[in-house]
C-alpha atoms as a PDB file:
ATOM      1  CA  MET A   1     -56.908 -29.809 -40.001  1.00  0.00           C
ATOM      2  CA  GLU A   2     -58.032 -32.749 -42.085  1.00  0.00           C
ATOM      3  CA  PHE A   3     -55.475 -35.491 -42.745  1.00  0.00           C
ATOM      4  CA  GLU A   4     -53.859 -35.870 -46.156  1.00  0.00           C
ATOM      5  CA  TYR A   5     -50.729 -37.339 -47.668  1.00  0.00           C
ATOM      6  CA  LYS A   6     -48.654 -36.779 -50.795  1.00  0.00           C
ATOM      7  CA  LEU A   7     -46.132 -39.069 -52.445  1.00  0.00           C
ATOM      8  CA  PHE A   8     -43.061 -37.780 -54.230  1.00  0.00           C
ATOM      9  CA  SER A   9     -40.969 -40.336 -56.113  1.00  0.00           C
ATOM     10  CA  LYS A  10     -37.717 -39.957 -57.986  1.00  0.00           C
ATOM     11  CA  GLY A  11     -35.645 -42.943 -58.963  1.00  0.00           C
ATOM     12  CA  VAL A  12     -35.266 -45.303 -56.025  1.00  0.00           C
ATOM     13  CA  ILE A  13     -36.606 -42.933 -53.355  1.00  0.00           C
ATOM     14  CA  THR A  14     -40.181 -42.155 -52.332  1.00  0.00           C
ATOM     15  CA  ILE A  15     -41.003 -39.442 -49.821  1.00  0.00           C
ATOM     16  CA  VAL A  16     -44.425 -39.592 -48.190  1.00  0.00           C
ATOM     17  CA  SER A  17     -45.433 -36.266 -46.680  1.00  0.00           C
ATOM     18  CA  PHE A  18     -48.205 -36.382 -44.080  1.00  0.00           C
ATOM     19  CA  LYS A  19     -50.288 -33.370 -43.072  1.00  0.00           C
ATOM     20  CA  GLY A  20     -52.962 -32.881 -40.413  1.00  0.00           C
ATOM     21  CA  ARG A  21     -54.140 -35.104 -37.585  1.00  0.00           C
ATOM     22  CA  MET A  22     -54.027 -38.880 -37.917  1.00  0.00           C
ATOM     23  CA  SER A  23     -57.296 -40.084 -36.417  1.00  0.00           C
ATOM     24  CA  LYS A  24     -59.833 -42.869 -36.936  1.00  0.00           C
ATOM     25  CA  GLU A  25     -61.158 -40.872 -39.882  1.00  0.00           C
ATOM     26  CA  SER A  26     -57.692 -41.246 -41.476  1.00  0.00           C
ATOM     27  CA  LYS A  27     -57.610 -45.049 -41.493  1.00  0.00           C
ATOM     28  CA  GLU A  28     -58.791 -45.495 -45.077  1.00  0.00           C
ATOM     29  CA  LEU A  29     -56.392 -42.829 -46.337  1.00  0.00           C
ATOM     30  CA  LEU A  30     -53.488 -44.491 -44.508  1.00  0.00           C
ATOM     31  CA  LEU A  31     -54.323 -47.825 -46.144  1.00  0.00           C
ATOM     32  CA  ALA A  32     -54.596 -46.124 -49.560  1.00  0.00           C
ATOM     33  CA  CYS A  33     -51.212 -44.552 -48.890  1.00  0.00           C
ATOM     34  CA  GLN A  34     -49.768 -47.967 -48.074  1.00  0.00           C
ATOM     35  CA  ASP A  35     -51.124 -49.423 -51.336  1.00  0.00           C
ATOM     36  CA  GLU A  36     -49.688 -46.533 -53.333  1.00  0.00           C
ATOM     37  CA  ILE A  37     -46.244 -46.930 -51.730  1.00  0.00           C
ATOM     38  CA  LEU A  38     -46.192 -50.688 -52.311  1.00  0.00           C
ATOM     39  CA  LYS A  39     -47.132 -50.325 -55.992  1.00  0.00           C
ATOM     40  CA  GLY A  40     -44.151 -48.054 -56.618  1.00  0.00           C
ATOM     41  CA  PRO A  41     -40.549 -49.053 -57.337  1.00  0.00           C
ATOM     42  CA  ALA A  42     -39.039 -47.404 -54.245  1.00  0.00           C
ATOM     43  CA  GLU A  43     -36.060 -48.986 -52.534  1.00  0.00           C
ATOM     44  CA  ILE A  44     -35.912 -46.149 -50.003  1.00  0.00           C
ATOM     45  CA  VAL A  45     -39.068 -44.807 -48.360  1.00  0.00           C
ATOM     46  CA  VAL A  46     -39.137 -41.710 -46.159  1.00  0.00           C
ATOM     47  CA  LEU A  47     -42.173 -41.006 -43.963  1.00  0.00           C
ATOM     48  CA  PHE A  48     -42.159 -37.243 -43.391  1.00  0.00           C
ATOM     49  CA  PHE A  49     -44.239 -36.151 -40.362  1.00  0.00           C
ATOM     50  CA  ARG A  50     -43.341 -32.437 -40.258  1.00  0.00           C
ATOM     51  CA  ASP A  51     -46.935 -31.229 -40.785  1.00  0.00           C
ATOM     52  CA  VAL A  52     -48.646 -33.825 -38.560  1.00  0.00           C
ATOM     53  CA  SER A  53     -50.474 -32.198 -35.665  1.00  0.00           C
ATOM     54  CA  GLY A  54     -51.139 -35.442 -33.806  1.00  0.00           C
ATOM     55  CA  VAL A  55     -51.426 -39.218 -34.018  1.00  0.00           C
ATOM     56  CA  ASP A  56     -54.425 -40.742 -32.267  1.00  0.00           C
ATOM     57  CA  MET A  57     -54.232 -44.175 -30.685  1.00  0.00           C
ATOM     58  CA  SER A  58     -56.944 -45.327 -33.097  1.00  0.00           C
ATOM     59  CA  VAL A  59     -54.453 -45.356 -36.022  1.00  0.00           C
ATOM     60  CA  HIS A  60     -51.432 -46.906 -34.292  1.00  0.00           C
ATOM     61  CA  ARG A  61     -52.200 -50.273 -35.895  1.00  0.00           C
ATOM     62  CA  GLU A  62     -52.403 -48.823 -39.415  1.00  0.00           C
ATOM     63  CA  LEU A  63     -49.254 -46.767 -38.946  1.00  0.00           C
ATOM     64  CA  THR A  64     -47.380 -49.838 -37.714  1.00  0.00           C
ATOM     65  CA  GLN A  65     -48.743 -51.925 -40.581  1.00  0.00           C
ATOM     66  CA  ILE A  66     -47.606 -49.414 -43.214  1.00  0.00           C
ATOM     67  CA  GLN A  67     -44.073 -49.566 -41.865  1.00  0.00           C
ATOM     68  CA  GLN A  68     -44.049 -53.369 -41.689  1.00  0.00           C
ATOM     69  CA  GLU A  69     -45.172 -53.657 -45.303  1.00  0.00           C
ATOM     70  CA  ILE A  70     -42.605 -51.089 -46.444  1.00  0.00           C
ATOM     71  CA  ARG A  71     -39.834 -52.993 -44.642  1.00  0.00           C
ATOM     72  CA  LYS A  72     -40.856 -56.201 -46.423  1.00  0.00           C
ATOM     73  CA  LYS A  73     -40.699 -54.519 -49.836  1.00  0.00           C
ATOM     74  CA  SER A  74     -38.053 -51.835 -49.517  1.00  0.00           C
ATOM     75  CA  SER A  75     -34.461 -52.047 -48.488  1.00  0.00           C
ATOM     76  CA  LYS A  76     -34.635 -48.925 -46.302  1.00  0.00           C
ATOM     77  CA  LEU A  77     -37.255 -47.016 -44.317  1.00  0.00           C
ATOM     78  CA  PHE A  78     -36.671 -43.682 -42.629  1.00  0.00           C
ATOM     79  CA  VAL A  79     -38.916 -41.501 -40.462  1.00  0.00           C
ATOM     80  CA  THR A  80     -38.329 -37.772 -40.093  1.00  0.00           C
ATOM     81  CA  GLY A  81     -40.059 -34.527 -39.181  1.00  0.00           C
ATOM     82  CA  LEU A  82     -41.426 -35.682 -35.835  1.00  0.00           C
ATOM     83  CA  ASN A  83     -41.574 -33.206 -32.984  1.00  0.00           C
ATOM     84  CA  SER A  84     -39.881 -34.479 -29.820  1.00  0.00           C
ATOM     85  CA  ALA A  85     -43.107 -35.293 -27.939  1.00  0.00           C
ATOM     86  CA  MET A  86     -44.570 -37.259 -30.860  1.00  0.00           C
ATOM     87  CA  LYS A  87     -41.271 -39.063 -31.429  1.00  0.00           C
ATOM     88  CA  GLN A  88     -41.089 -40.101 -27.774  1.00  0.00           C
ATOM     89  CA  LEU A  89     -44.717 -41.258 -27.659  1.00  0.00           C
ATOM     90  CA  LEU A  90     -44.534 -43.289 -30.879  1.00  0.00           C
ATOM     91  CA  ALA A  91     -41.191 -44.832 -29.936  1.00  0.00           C
ATOM     92  CA  GLU A  92     -42.396 -45.793 -26.445  1.00  0.00           C
ATOM     93  CA  LYS A  93     -45.494 -47.443 -27.929  1.00  0.00           C
ATOM     94  CA  GLY A  94     -43.347 -49.349 -30.450  1.00  0.00           C
ATOM     95  CA  ILE A  95     -44.999 -47.618 -33.410  1.00  0.00           C
ATOM     96  CA  ILE A  96     -41.685 -46.372 -34.831  1.00  0.00           C
ATOM     97  CA  ARG A  97     -38.124 -47.650 -34.493  1.00  0.00           C
ATOM     98  CA  LEU A  98     -35.527 -45.270 -33.112  1.00  0.00           C
ATOM     99  CA  SER A  99     -32.976 -46.663 -35.564  1.00  0.00           C
ATOM    100  CA  GLU A 100     -35.107 -45.428 -38.487  1.00  0.00           C
ATOM    101  CA  ILE A 101     -35.548 -41.856 -37.226  1.00  0.00           C
ATOM    102  CA  LYS A 102     -33.364 -39.279 -38.947  1.00  0.00           C
ATOM    103  CA  GLY A 103     -32.836 -35.583 -38.311  1.00  0.00           C
ATOM    104  CA  GLY A 104     -34.200 -34.340 -41.616  1.00  0.00           C
ATOM    105  CA  LEU A 105     -34.656 -34.928 -45.323  1.00  0.00           C
ATOM    106  CA  GLU A 106     -31.285 -33.394 -46.129  1.00  0.00           C
ATOM    107  CA  GLU A 107     -29.509 -35.906 -43.895  1.00  0.00           C
ATOM    108  CA  ILE A 108     -31.369 -38.829 -45.458  1.00  0.00           C
ATOM    109  CA  LEU A 109     -30.689 -37.723 -49.020  1.00  0.00           C
ATOM    110  CA  ARG A 110     -27.031 -36.976 -48.318  1.00  0.00           C
ATOM    111  CA  THR A 111     -26.339 -40.339 -46.687  1.00  0.00           C
ATOM    112  CA  THR A 112     -28.444 -42.698 -48.830  1.00  0.00           C
ATOM    113  CA  VAL A 113     -28.659 -41.398 -52.381  1.00  0.00           C
END
């Protein structure tokens, strides 16, 4: 499945839904996604990985960079929708922070908005 993303914004929250496999072919789309997030007014950004089939090593840098830039701009960043194997791999590699991982969108919306 080809990689794509969609942004949903309402008030201070932006949810970025990822779909497909993140691979070297996804790099430009990930950077476009970053630009789109940073142009918005979001104070809370949620990266939603539920429909991601895999994350190749070739995009670890871009995925880390997106999060760093969001942290600089936004007051809060959350990651959700990861399967357990992907969560473990990305956390071990330092790509995501365990403190930013939440159980689901409902939990994030209930506790932050």
